[in-house]
Amino acid sequence: MKYLPKSTFGAVTAVLYLLLVFTFMVAGLSSGGGHPNPSALFLDLVLILTLPTSWLALAMMNYLNPAPPVYTSPERLSMIFIFAVCAVINAAVIYLLVGFVSRGVRSLFAKSAGRLK
């Protein structure tokens, strides 16, 4: 476990990402009039926010069930569940990526400060 980074900034970034995705999910499930299909717009935004894992998950889902989707309530709930899992995976990747980058930047600054002395 000593190789995994511990980054406060990475944790904050990952939580903000999850809150953004959750906000669009709730807006997609509870949106009403105005737009002909407002929930589709918000769910498309969630799809874009959870790329590339959601794209892979939906490609697998289409491979297993090649019939065109009829967005019924169970189908929509399964898509929301897939998006939620993809968002958690992406948040973990964001946390680790920010942690590794900050560790690398800190080590570069430490090496450059050591050379200046």
C-alpha atoms as a PDB file:
ATOM      1  CA  MET A   1       0.000   0.000   0.000  1.00  0.00           C
ATOM      2  CA  LYS A   2       2.978   2.330   0.202  1.00  0.00           C
ATOM      3  CA  TYR A   3       2.914   2.745  -3.582  1.00  0.00           C
ATOM      4  CA  LEU A   4      -0.622   4.142  -3.662  1.00  0.00           C
ATOM      5  CA  PRO A   5      -0.682   7.922  -3.401  1.00  0.00           C
ATOM      6  CA  LYS A   6      -2.480   9.792  -0.646  1.00  0.00           C
ATOM      7  CA  SER A   7      -3.752  13.003  -2.129  1.00  0.00           C
ATOM      8  CA  THR A   8      -6.217  15.374  -0.507  1.00  0.00           C
ATOM      9  CA  PHE A   9      -6.585  17.315  -3.742  1.00  0.00           C
ATOM     10  CA  GLY A  10      -7.242  14.052  -5.598  1.00  0.00           C
ATOM     11  CA  ALA A  11      -9.920  13.068  -3.101  1.00  0.00           C
ATOM     12  CA  VAL A  12     -11.606  16.462  -3.365  1.00  0.00           C
ATOM     13  CA  THR A  13     -11.476  16.312  -7.168  1.00  0.00           C
ATOM     14  CA  ALA A  14     -12.965  12.812  -7.204  1.00  0.00           C
ATOM     15  CA  VAL A  15     -15.785  13.813  -4.823  1.00  0.00           C
ATOM     16  CA  LEU A  16     -16.597  16.910  -6.902  1.00  0.00           C
ATOM     17  CA  TYR A  17     -16.722  14.712 -10.011  1.00  0.00           C
ATOM     18  CA  LEU A  18     -19.122  12.305  -8.290  1.00  0.00           C
ATOM     19  CA  LEU A  19     -21.325  15.182  -7.137  1.00  0.00           C
ATOM     20  CA  LEU A  20     -21.473  16.557 -10.679  1.00  0.00           C
ATOM     21  CA  VAL A  21     -22.457  13.172 -12.123  1.00  0.00           C
ATOM     22  CA  PHE A  22     -24.993  12.617  -9.318  1.00  0.00           C
ATOM     23  CA  THR A  23     -26.530  16.045  -9.982  1.00  0.00           C
ATOM     24  CA  PHE A  24     -27.030  15.230 -13.659  1.00  0.00           C
ATOM     25  CA  MET A  25     -28.437  11.795 -12.796  1.00  0.00           C
ATOM     26  CA  VAL A  26     -30.987  13.286 -10.406  1.00  0.00           C
ATOM     27  CA  ALA A  27     -31.854  15.998 -12.927  1.00  0.00           C
ATOM     28  CA  GLY A  28     -32.324  13.342 -15.600  1.00  0.00           C
ATOM     29  CA  LEU A  29     -34.625  11.285 -13.436  1.00  0.00           C
ATOM     30  CA  SER A  30     -36.697  14.169 -12.111  1.00  0.00           C
ATOM     31  CA  SER A  31     -36.867  16.545 -15.082  1.00  0.00           C
ATOM     32  CA  GLY A  32     -40.242  17.526 -16.407  1.00  0.00           C
ATOM     33  CA  GLY A  33     -41.750  19.652 -19.174  1.00  0.00           C
ATOM     34  CA  GLY A  34     -40.247  22.087 -21.618  1.00  0.00           C
ATOM     35  CA  HIS A  35     -37.981  19.819 -23.604  1.00  0.00           C
ATOM     36  CA  PRO A  36     -39.606  16.898 -25.476  1.00  0.00           C
ATOM     37  CA  ASN A  37     -37.447  14.378 -23.630  1.00  0.00           C
ATOM     38  CA  PRO A  38     -35.419  16.229 -20.976  1.00  0.00           C
ATOM     39  CA  SER A  39     -34.299  13.079 -19.211  1.00  0.00           C
ATOM     40  CA  ALA A  40     -32.539  11.908 -22.380  1.00  0.00           C
ATOM     41  CA  LEU A  41     -30.583  15.165 -22.492  1.00  0.00           C
ATOM     42  CA  PHE A  42     -29.368  14.793 -18.906  1.00  0.00           C
ATOM     43  CA  LEU A  43     -28.608  11.101 -19.346  1.00  0.00           C
ATOM     44  CA  ASP A  44     -26.556  11.977 -22.441  1.00  0.00           C
ATOM     45  CA  LEU A  45     -24.593  14.425 -20.293  1.00  0.00           C
ATOM     46  CA  VAL A  46     -24.030  11.666 -17.721  1.00  0.00           C
ATOM     47  CA  LEU A  47     -22.840   9.403 -20.540  1.00  0.00           C
ATOM     48  CA  ILE A  48     -20.355  12.054 -21.639  1.00  0.00           C
ATOM     49  CA  LEU A  49     -19.161  12.639 -18.061  1.00  0.00           C
ATOM     50  CA  THR A  50     -18.576   8.939 -17.423  1.00  0.00           C
ATOM     51  CA  LEU A  51     -16.661   8.221 -20.628  1.00  0.00           C
ATOM     52  CA  PRO A  52     -14.730   5.947 -21.444  1.00  0.00           C
ATOM     53  CA  THR A  53     -15.970   3.328 -18.976  1.00  0.00           C
ATOM     54  CA  SER A  54     -19.637   3.969 -19.754  1.00  0.00           C
ATOM     55  CA  TRP A  55     -18.972   3.606 -23.467  1.00  0.00           C
ATOM     56  CA  LEU A  56     -17.386   0.201 -22.867  1.00  0.00           C
ATOM     57  CA  ALA A  57     -20.207  -0.878 -20.545  1.00  0.00           C
ATOM     58  CA  LEU A  58     -22.918   0.190 -22.978  1.00  0.00           C
ATOM     59  CA  ALA A  59     -21.107  -1.503 -25.879  1.00  0.00           C
ATOM     60  CA  MET A  60     -21.041  -4.719 -23.835  1.00  0.00           C
ATOM     61  CA  MET A  61     -24.716  -4.271 -22.970  1.00  0.00           C
ATOM     62  CA  ASN A  62     -25.610  -3.805 -26.643  1.00  0.00           C
ATOM     63  CA  TYR A  63     -23.565  -6.871 -27.560  1.00  0.00           C
ATOM     64  CA  LEU A  64     -25.420  -8.993 -25.022  1.00  0.00           C
ATOM     65  CA  ASN A  65     -28.826  -7.564 -25.995  1.00  0.00           C
ATOM     66  CA  PRO A  66     -28.702  -6.414 -29.638  1.00  0.00           C
ATOM     67  CA  ALA A  67     -32.369  -5.373 -29.776  1.00  0.00           C
ATOM     68  CA  PRO A  68     -32.943  -1.621 -29.869  1.00  0.00           C
ATOM     69  CA  PRO A  69     -33.534  -0.260 -26.365  1.00  0.00           C
ATOM     70  CA  VAL A  70     -37.084   0.534 -25.351  1.00  0.00           C
ATOM     71  CA  TYR A  71     -36.361   2.883 -22.485  1.00  0.00           C
ATOM     72  CA  THR A  72     -38.761   1.359 -20.011  1.00  0.00           C
ATOM     73  CA  SER A  73     -38.356   1.856 -16.310  1.00  0.00           C
ATOM     74  CA  PRO A  74     -36.199  -1.277 -15.684  1.00  0.00           C
ATOM     75  CA  GLU A  75     -34.023  -0.435 -18.693  1.00  0.00           C
ATOM     76  CA  ARG A  76     -33.513   3.125 -17.472  1.00  0.00           C
ATOM     77  CA  LEU A  77     -32.698   1.952 -13.948  1.00  0.00           C
ATOM     78  CA  SER A  78     -30.130  -0.508 -15.273  1.00  0.00           C
ATOM     79  CA  MET A  79     -28.534   2.308 -17.290  1.00  0.00           C
ATOM     80  CA  ILE A  80     -28.441   4.524 -14.196  1.00  0.00           C
ATOM     81  CA  PHE A  81     -26.797   1.707 -12.238  1.00  0.00           C
ATOM     82  CA  ILE A  82     -24.210   1.216 -15.008  1.00  0.00           C
ATOM     83  CA  PHE A  83     -23.515   4.964 -15.073  1.00  0.00           C
ATOM     84  CA  ALA A  84     -23.118   5.008 -11.281  1.00  0.00           C
ATOM     85  CA  VAL A  85     -20.610   2.147 -11.343  1.00  0.00           C
ATOM     86  CA  CYS A  86     -18.715   3.833 -14.191  1.00  0.00           C
ATOM     87  CA  ALA A  87     -18.660   7.115 -12.270  1.00  0.00           C
ATOM     88  CA  VAL A  88     -17.192   5.413  -9.193  1.00  0.00           C
ATOM     89  CA  ILE A  89     -14.517   3.730 -11.339  1.00  0.00           C
ATOM     90  CA  ASN A  90     -13.700   7.065 -13.001  1.00  0.00           C
ATOM     91  CA  ALA A  91     -13.522   8.787  -9.603  1.00  0.00           C
ATOM     92  CA  ALA A  92     -11.021   6.176  -8.404  1.00  0.00           C
ATOM     93  CA  VAL A  93      -8.935   6.725 -11.533  1.00  0.00           C
ATOM     94  CA  ILE A  94      -9.086  10.506 -11.020  1.00  0.00           C
ATOM     95  CA  TYR A  95      -7.962  10.107  -7.396  1.00  0.00           C
ATOM     96  CA  LEU A  96      -5.038   7.864  -8.344  1.00  0.00           C
ATOM     97  CA  LEU A  97      -4.013   9.963 -11.340  1.00  0.00           C
ATOM     98  CA  VAL A  98      -3.988  13.209  -9.367  1.00  0.00           C
ATOM     99  CA  GLY A  99      -2.086  11.471  -6.563  1.00  0.00           C
ATOM    100  CA  PHE A 100       0.599  10.100  -8.870  1.00  0.00           C
ATOM    101  CA  VAL A 101       0.984  13.406 -10.701  1.00  0.00           C
ATOM    102  CA  SER A 102       1.287  15.361  -7.447  1.00  0.00           C
ATOM    103  CA  ARG A 103       3.823  12.835  -6.141  1.00  0.00           C
ATOM    104  CA  GLY A 104       5.863  13.229  -9.331  1.00  0.00           C
ATOM    105  CA  VAL A 105       5.732  17.017  -9.171  1.00  0.00           C
ATOM    106  CA  ARG A 106       6.777  16.972  -5.511  1.00  0.00           C
ATOM    107  CA  SER A 107       9.728  14.698  -6.263  1.00  0.00           C
ATOM    108  CA  LEU A 108      10.811  16.936  -9.162  1.00  0.00           C
ATOM    109  CA  PHE A 109      10.695  19.995  -6.921  1.00  0.00           C
ATOM    110  CA  ALA A 110      12.605  18.144  -4.188  1.00  0.00           C
ATOM    111  CA  LYS A 111      15.321  17.116  -6.664  1.00  0.00           C
ATOM    112  CA  SER A 112      15.596  20.621  -8.100  1.00  0.00           C
ATOM    113  CA  ALA A 113      15.741  22.148  -4.601  1.00  0.00           C
ATOM    114  CA  GLY A 114      18.512  19.686  -3.681  1.00  0.00           C
ATOM    115  CA  ARG A 115      20.551  20.716  -6.711  1.00  0.00           C
ATOM    116  CA  LEU A 116      20.277  24.408  -5.832  1.00  0.00           C
ATOM    117  CA  LYS A 117      21.873  23.956  -2.412  1.00  0.00           C
END
